[in-house]
Amino acid sequence: MKLNVKFISNIQEVYGELGTSWLNNLSSSISLLCEKWNFRFIKVMPNLTYHFVALVENYNSNQNAILKIAPTNQNIVTEAKWFQYFDKGIPKIYWVDEEHHAFLMEHLEPGKPLSSLIEIDDDNATRIICQVIRELQSTKQMIPLPFQHLSTLSSCFSILEGRIDSRLLSQAVSWFHELTSESTHAVLLHGDLHHENILSSGETWKVIDPHGYVGDPVFECSVMIYNPTLFPQEHSLPQTIERRLKILSEELRFDAKRVHAWAFCMTMLSIAWTVEDHGHVPEFKLTIAKIIDETPL
C-alpha cells in the first residue's frame, strides 16, 4: 500500500511518535476492520492529508463505500457525530468504530470536488457554496449542541506573536472576540467548508470532512476564501477575493462587514494552525489576509 509523502509528513509532524506507530500499523488495522465489518479493501484515495481514506466494497450492500481512519479518536467521533444532525446535503454513515478511530460512509458519485469548477466559473462555484450553506442551515437543531464553540479558538492566535505584523494580529484578535461574543443565533457549523470538501453526488452536492463547531452562521463562508490555494487565472487574486466576498454577502444576505471580518479572522487563524503544526508562516495565506484587509467594503 503506497501512501503519499505529504500525508506521511503531516501525520508525523502533527502526531509525532504516535503518528509513526499508527502509520506502521495501518495495514494490519485495515485488515482487522475488513474482517470485523465485512468489507474488502480496493484502493487508497488520492491526495491524503491528515486522515487515511480508502475505497472499499461493502459486502453487506454490495456497494462501494469510503473508509476513513485517523490516528486518534477525537476528530473521527466529532465528524461522525456531526453528520447525525443533518438529513440532507451529506453522505450516509454506515458505522462508526471508536475503538479503531474509523467510520464507513457512502461513496459519492461522480464525486468531483467543487474545486474542479474554479477555473471554469469561479462565480458559479461560489454560488454553489452559498446553496450548500443555505441547505445546511435550513436544518433545525436543538441548542445547546455537544460541539466546541468558535470562541474557544481565540487562544490559537497567540502563537503568531512576534511572527507577523502586530497590527494584523491585533485586528484579528479584536474582530474575533467581537464576532464570537454573541451566541444568540448560534448554529451547528461544518467548520471547514471549502471547495475540496464539497463533492458532486448525482445532480446535487454533498459535504464531507466537517470539523464541527457551534457559532455565528456567517462564519461558514469564511474558509473558502483562502482554502484551497487554487484561484482562477483570468483575474488577479485581489479581484477574485473581492468578487467572492461580494457574492457570499449578496447570495446569503449576510452583513458584508461580517463576511469580510470572518474571512480575515479565519485566514489568520489558519496561519496560526500552520505555524503550530509545521513551524513556519505560510506566505500565501498571509498574502490573502493582507488582501482581505485591504479589500474595500
Protein backbone atom coordinates (compact mmCIF):
# COMPACT_ATOMS: atom_id res chain seq x y z
CA MET A 1 0.00 0.00 0.00
CA LYS A 2 1.58 3.26 -1.16
CA LEU A 3 0.99 6.46 0.81
CA ASN A 4 1.84 9.93 -0.46
CA VAL A 5 4.80 11.73 1.08
CA LYS A 6 2.75 14.75 2.20
CA PHE A 7 0.35 12.54 4.15
CA ILE A 8 3.19 10.71 5.92
CA SER A 9 4.90 14.01 6.74
CA ASN A 10 1.67 15.57 8.07
CA ILE A 11 0.94 12.60 10.33
CA GLN A 12 4.47 12.54 11.73
CA GLU A 13 4.63 16.31 12.29
CA VAL A 14 1.24 16.53 13.99
CA TYR A 15 1.23 13.27 15.98
CA GLY A 16 4.96 12.57 16.50
CA GLU A 17 5.81 9.03 17.65
CA LEU A 18 2.13 8.15 17.92
CA GLY A 19 1.70 9.04 14.24
CA THR A 20 4.72 6.99 13.16
CA SER A 21 3.47 3.97 15.10
CA TRP A 22 -0.02 4.40 13.61
CA LEU A 23 1.40 4.51 10.07
CA ASN A 24 3.45 1.36 10.72
CA ASN A 25 0.35 -0.50 11.92
CA LEU A 26 -2.07 0.90 9.33
CA SER A 27 -2.16 -2.17 7.07
CA SER A 28 -2.94 -4.51 9.95
CA SER A 29 -5.61 -2.09 11.24
CA ILE A 30 -7.31 -2.11 7.83
CA SER A 31 -7.24 -5.92 7.71
CA LEU A 32 -8.80 -6.09 11.16
CA LEU A 33 -11.57 -3.67 10.14
CA CYS A 34 -12.21 -5.60 6.91
CA GLU A 35 -12.86 -8.74 8.91
CA LYS A 36 -14.84 -7.04 11.67
CA TRP A 37 -17.17 -5.03 9.41
CA ASN A 38 -17.32 -7.32 6.37
CA PHE A 39 -15.80 -5.23 3.58
CA ARG A 40 -12.99 -5.55 1.03
CA PHE A 41 -10.22 -3.01 0.59
CA ILE A 42 -9.98 -1.70 -3.00
CA LYS A 43 -7.59 1.26 -3.10
CA VAL A 44 -6.19 4.28 -1.30
CA MET A 45 -7.93 7.51 -2.29
CA PRO A 46 -5.70 10.25 -3.77
CA ASN A 47 -4.49 13.41 -2.04
CA LEU A 48 -4.49 12.18 1.57
CA THR A 49 -3.75 14.93 4.11
CA TYR A 50 -4.45 14.20 7.81
CA HIS A 51 -6.69 11.11 7.62
CA PHE A 52 -6.40 7.81 5.80
CA VAL A 53 -9.21 7.44 3.26
CA ALA A 54 -9.82 4.36 1.10
CA LEU A 55 -12.36 2.98 -1.35
CA VAL A 56 -13.77 -0.34 -0.16
CA GLU A 57 -16.52 -2.75 -1.18
CA ASN A 58 -19.20 -3.19 1.44
CA TYR A 59 -20.24 -6.88 1.29
CA ASN A 60 -23.40 -6.13 3.27
CA SER A 61 -24.78 -3.92 0.48
CA ASN A 62 -22.62 -4.99 -2.48
CA GLN A 63 -21.77 -1.32 -2.98
CA ASN A 64 -18.57 0.66 -2.78
CA ALA A 65 -18.06 2.82 0.29
CA ILE A 66 -15.45 5.11 1.83
CA LEU A 67 -13.38 4.06 4.85
CA LYS A 68 -11.89 6.85 6.95
CA ILE A 69 -9.34 6.26 9.73
CA ALA A 70 -7.41 8.66 11.99
CA PRO A 71 -4.52 8.26 14.45
CA THR A 72 -6.73 9.36 17.35
CA ASN A 73 -10.43 9.16 18.11
CA GLN A 74 -11.31 12.79 18.80
CA ASN A 75 -11.78 14.12 15.25
CA ILE A 76 -13.34 10.94 13.91
CA VAL A 77 -16.01 10.82 16.63
CA THR A 78 -16.77 14.55 16.25
CA GLU A 79 -17.09 14.16 12.48
CA ALA A 80 -19.35 11.11 12.65
CA LYS A 81 -21.48 12.79 15.33
CA TRP A 82 -21.83 15.94 13.20
CA PHE A 83 -23.35 14.00 10.30
CA GLN A 84 -26.10 12.71 12.60
CA TYR A 85 -27.56 16.22 12.92
CA PHE A 86 -28.34 16.59 9.21
CA ASP A 87 -30.71 14.78 6.87
CA LYS A 88 -29.68 16.34 3.56
CA GLY A 89 -26.53 17.53 1.82
CA ILE A 90 -24.40 14.81 3.46
CA PRO A 91 -23.26 11.22 2.72
CA LYS A 92 -24.77 8.32 4.65
CA ILE A 93 -22.75 6.96 7.58
CA TYR A 94 -22.90 3.15 7.78
CA TRP A 95 -20.99 2.52 11.00
CA VAL A 96 -18.57 4.12 13.45
CA ASP A 97 -15.78 2.18 15.19
CA GLU A 98 -14.50 4.33 18.07
CA GLU A 99 -12.06 1.63 19.19
CA HIS A 100 -10.16 1.83 15.89
CA HIS A 101 -10.81 5.53 15.15
CA ALA A 102 -12.70 4.75 11.96
CA PHE A 103 -16.02 5.03 10.16
CA LEU A 104 -17.55 3.87 6.89
CA MET A 105 -19.61 6.23 4.75
CA GLU A 106 -21.37 6.46 1.40
CA HIS A 107 -19.19 6.69 -1.71
CA LEU A 108 -20.37 9.81 -3.54
CA GLU A 109 -20.51 9.59 -7.32
CA PRO A 110 -19.27 11.08 -9.54
CA GLY A 111 -17.56 12.61 -6.50
CA LYS A 112 -15.86 15.53 -8.24
CA PRO A 113 -14.77 18.28 -5.85
CA LEU A 114 -16.22 21.74 -6.36
CA SER A 115 -12.64 22.95 -6.94
CA SER A 116 -12.95 21.48 -10.46
CA LEU A 117 -15.19 24.48 -11.30
CA ILE A 118 -12.83 27.20 -10.08
CA GLU A 119 -11.02 27.66 -13.40
CA ILE A 120 -14.22 27.21 -15.42
CA ASP A 121 -16.55 29.52 -13.48
CA ASP A 122 -15.44 30.71 -10.05
CA ASP A 123 -18.57 32.81 -9.58
CA ASN A 124 -20.76 29.73 -10.07
CA ALA A 125 -18.59 27.72 -7.68
CA THR A 126 -19.09 30.44 -5.05
CA ARG A 127 -22.86 30.39 -5.63
CA ILE A 128 -22.90 26.60 -5.18
CA ILE A 129 -21.17 27.07 -1.82
CA CYS A 130 -23.91 29.55 -0.92
CA GLN A 131 -26.51 26.96 -1.90
CA VAL A 132 -24.81 24.34 0.29
CA ILE A 133 -24.70 26.73 3.25
CA ARG A 134 -28.39 27.56 2.86
CA GLU A 135 -29.25 23.86 2.78
CA LEU A 136 -27.18 23.04 5.88
CA GLN A 137 -28.50 25.99 7.83
CA SER A 138 -32.12 25.16 6.95
CA THR A 139 -31.89 22.14 9.26
CA LYS A 140 -33.26 22.97 12.71
CA GLN A 141 -31.09 21.91 15.65
CA MET A 142 -31.56 21.84 19.38
CA ILE A 143 -29.23 24.14 21.30
CA PRO A 144 -27.00 23.53 23.21
CA LEU A 145 -25.10 21.12 20.99
CA PRO A 146 -22.22 18.85 22.05
CA PHE A 147 -19.68 20.70 19.91
CA GLN A 148 -16.98 23.25 20.61
CA HIS A 149 -18.00 26.92 20.36
CA LEU A 150 -15.94 29.06 17.99
CA SER A 151 -14.95 31.34 20.87
CA THR A 152 -12.71 28.58 22.28
CA LEU A 153 -10.36 29.03 19.32
CA SER A 154 -9.29 32.54 20.38
CA SER A 155 -6.19 31.30 22.23
CA CYS A 156 -4.75 29.93 18.95
CA PHE A 157 -3.75 33.44 17.83
CA SER A 158 -1.05 33.75 20.50
CA ILE A 159 1.43 31.62 18.54
CA LEU A 160 1.61 34.41 15.93
CA GLU A 161 3.06 36.96 18.35
CA GLY A 162 6.39 38.20 17.02
CA ARG A 163 5.94 36.26 13.76
CA ILE A 164 3.67 38.58 11.76
CA ASP A 165 2.69 42.26 11.59
CA SER A 166 1.40 43.19 15.05
CA ARG A 167 -1.36 45.36 13.56
CA LEU A 168 -2.79 42.43 11.59
CA LEU A 169 -2.65 40.18 14.65
CA SER A 170 -4.25 42.76 16.92
CA GLN A 171 -7.04 43.30 14.42
CA ALA A 172 -7.68 39.55 14.09
CA VAL A 173 -7.87 39.09 17.87
CA SER A 174 -10.17 42.10 18.30
CA TRP A 175 -12.53 41.16 15.47
CA PHE A 176 -12.62 37.50 16.52
CA HIS A 177 -13.66 38.49 20.03
CA GLU A 178 -16.44 40.71 18.66
CA LEU A 179 -17.66 38.04 16.24
CA THR A 180 -17.83 35.29 18.87
CA SER A 181 -19.10 37.27 21.87
CA GLU A 182 -22.76 36.91 20.88
CA SER A 183 -24.26 33.40 20.80
CA THR A 184 -27.97 34.25 20.34
CA HIS A 185 -28.15 32.95 16.77
CA ALA A 186 -25.56 30.17 17.07
CA VAL A 187 -25.94 27.21 14.71
CA LEU A 188 -24.10 23.95 14.09
CA LEU A 189 -21.33 24.68 11.60
CA HIS A 190 -19.35 22.48 9.24
CA GLY A 191 -16.24 24.43 10.24
CA ASP A 192 -14.09 23.67 7.19
CA LEU A 193 -16.42 24.33 4.27
CA HIS A 194 -14.37 24.85 1.12
CA HIS A 195 -14.29 23.60 -2.47
CA GLU A 196 -12.39 20.37 -1.74
CA ASN A 197 -14.92 19.36 0.92
CA ILE A 198 -17.93 19.68 -1.37
CA LEU A 199 -18.38 16.76 -3.77
CA SER A 200 -20.80 16.11 -6.62
CA SER A 201 -23.41 13.45 -5.89
CA GLY A 202 -25.70 12.82 -8.85
CA GLU A 203 -27.16 16.22 -9.72
CA THR A 204 -26.50 17.69 -6.27
CA TRP A 205 -23.56 18.49 -3.99
CA LYS A 206 -22.75 16.98 -0.59
CA VAL A 207 -20.26 17.94 2.10
CA ILE A 208 -17.53 15.84 3.70
CA ASP A 209 -14.84 16.30 6.38
CA PRO A 210 -16.68 18.52 8.89
CA HIS A 211 -14.80 19.90 11.88
CA GLY A 212 -17.97 20.63 13.84
CA TYR A 213 -18.33 23.92 15.71
CA VAL A 214 -21.17 25.95 17.13
CA GLY A 215 -21.31 29.66 16.37
CA ASP A 216 -22.20 32.54 14.07
CA PRO A 217 -23.86 31.36 10.80
CA VAL A 218 -21.76 33.88 8.83
CA PHE A 219 -18.58 32.03 9.83
CA GLU A 220 -19.42 29.21 7.40
CA CYS A 221 -18.47 31.22 4.31
CA SER A 222 -15.03 32.23 5.58
CA VAL A 223 -12.83 29.18 4.91
CA MET A 224 -13.47 29.07 1.15
CA ILE A 225 -11.75 32.43 0.73
CA TYR A 226 -8.27 31.06 1.48
CA ASN A 227 -8.65 27.30 1.00
CA PRO A 228 -7.83 25.70 -1.35
CA THR A 229 -4.97 27.77 -2.76
CA LEU A 230 -6.29 27.29 -6.31
CA PHE A 231 -7.59 30.52 -7.87
CA PRO A 232 -8.79 31.33 -11.41
CA GLN A 233 -6.09 32.68 -13.70
CA GLU A 234 -8.32 35.13 -15.58
CA HIS A 235 -8.48 37.56 -12.67
CA SER A 236 -5.94 38.86 -10.18
CA LEU A 237 -6.01 37.46 -6.66
CA PRO A 238 -7.46 40.70 -5.17
CA GLN A 239 -10.20 40.75 -7.85
CA THR A 240 -11.19 37.14 -7.14
CA ILE A 241 -11.27 37.62 -3.37
CA GLU A 242 -13.33 40.80 -3.66
CA ARG A 243 -15.73 39.06 -6.05
CA ARG A 244 -16.17 36.04 -3.76
CA LEU A 245 -16.85 38.23 -0.73
CA LYS A 246 -19.46 40.20 -2.69
CA ILE A 247 -21.28 37.08 -3.95
CA LEU A 248 -21.31 35.50 -0.49
CA SER A 249 -22.88 38.52 1.19
CA GLU A 250 -25.43 39.08 -1.60
CA GLU A 251 -26.50 35.45 -2.07
CA LEU A 252 -26.72 34.62 1.63
CA ARG A 253 -27.96 38.05 2.68
CA PHE A 254 -25.27 38.22 5.31
CA ASP A 255 -23.87 41.52 6.54
CA ALA A 256 -20.97 42.37 4.18
CA LYS A 257 -18.77 43.68 7.01
CA ARG A 258 -19.29 40.47 8.97
CA VAL A 259 -18.43 38.29 5.94
CA HIS A 260 -15.28 40.37 5.44
CA ALA A 261 -14.31 40.17 9.12
CA TRP A 262 -14.79 36.39 9.32
CA ALA A 263 -12.76 35.84 6.14
CA PHE A 264 -9.90 37.85 7.61
CA CYS A 265 -10.04 36.21 11.06
CA MET A 266 -10.19 32.67 9.73
CA THR A 267 -7.32 33.23 7.31
CA MET A 268 -5.26 34.48 10.24
CA LEU A 269 -6.38 31.53 12.38
CA SER A 270 -5.37 29.13 9.60
CA ILE A 271 -1.94 30.77 9.55
CA ALA A 272 -1.68 30.16 13.29
CA TRP A 273 -2.56 26.47 12.85
CA THR A 274 0.09 26.08 10.15
CA VAL A 275 2.70 27.59 12.46
CA GLU A 276 1.58 25.28 15.27
CA ASP A 277 1.69 22.14 13.09
CA HIS A 278 4.62 22.88 10.78
CA GLY A 279 6.64 25.67 12.41
CA HIS A 280 6.51 28.27 9.61
CA VAL A 281 4.29 31.15 8.46
CA PRO A 282 2.52 30.22 5.18
CA GLU A 283 3.33 33.20 2.96
CA PHE A 284 0.48 32.69 0.50
CA LYS A 285 -2.15 32.70 3.25
CA LEU A 286 -0.52 35.79 4.75
CA THR A 287 -0.82 37.45 1.34
CA ILE A 288 -4.52 36.56 1.27
CA ALA A 289 -5.01 38.00 4.77
CA LYS A 290 -3.40 41.27 3.64
CA ILE A 291 -5.59 41.38 0.53
CA ILE A 292 -8.76 40.84 2.60
CA ASP A 293 -7.59 43.58 4.96
CA GLU A 294 -7.20 45.97 2.01
CA THR A 295 -10.40 44.93 0.21
CA PRO A 296 -12.96 47.79 0.16
CA LEU A 297 -16.42 47.11 1.55
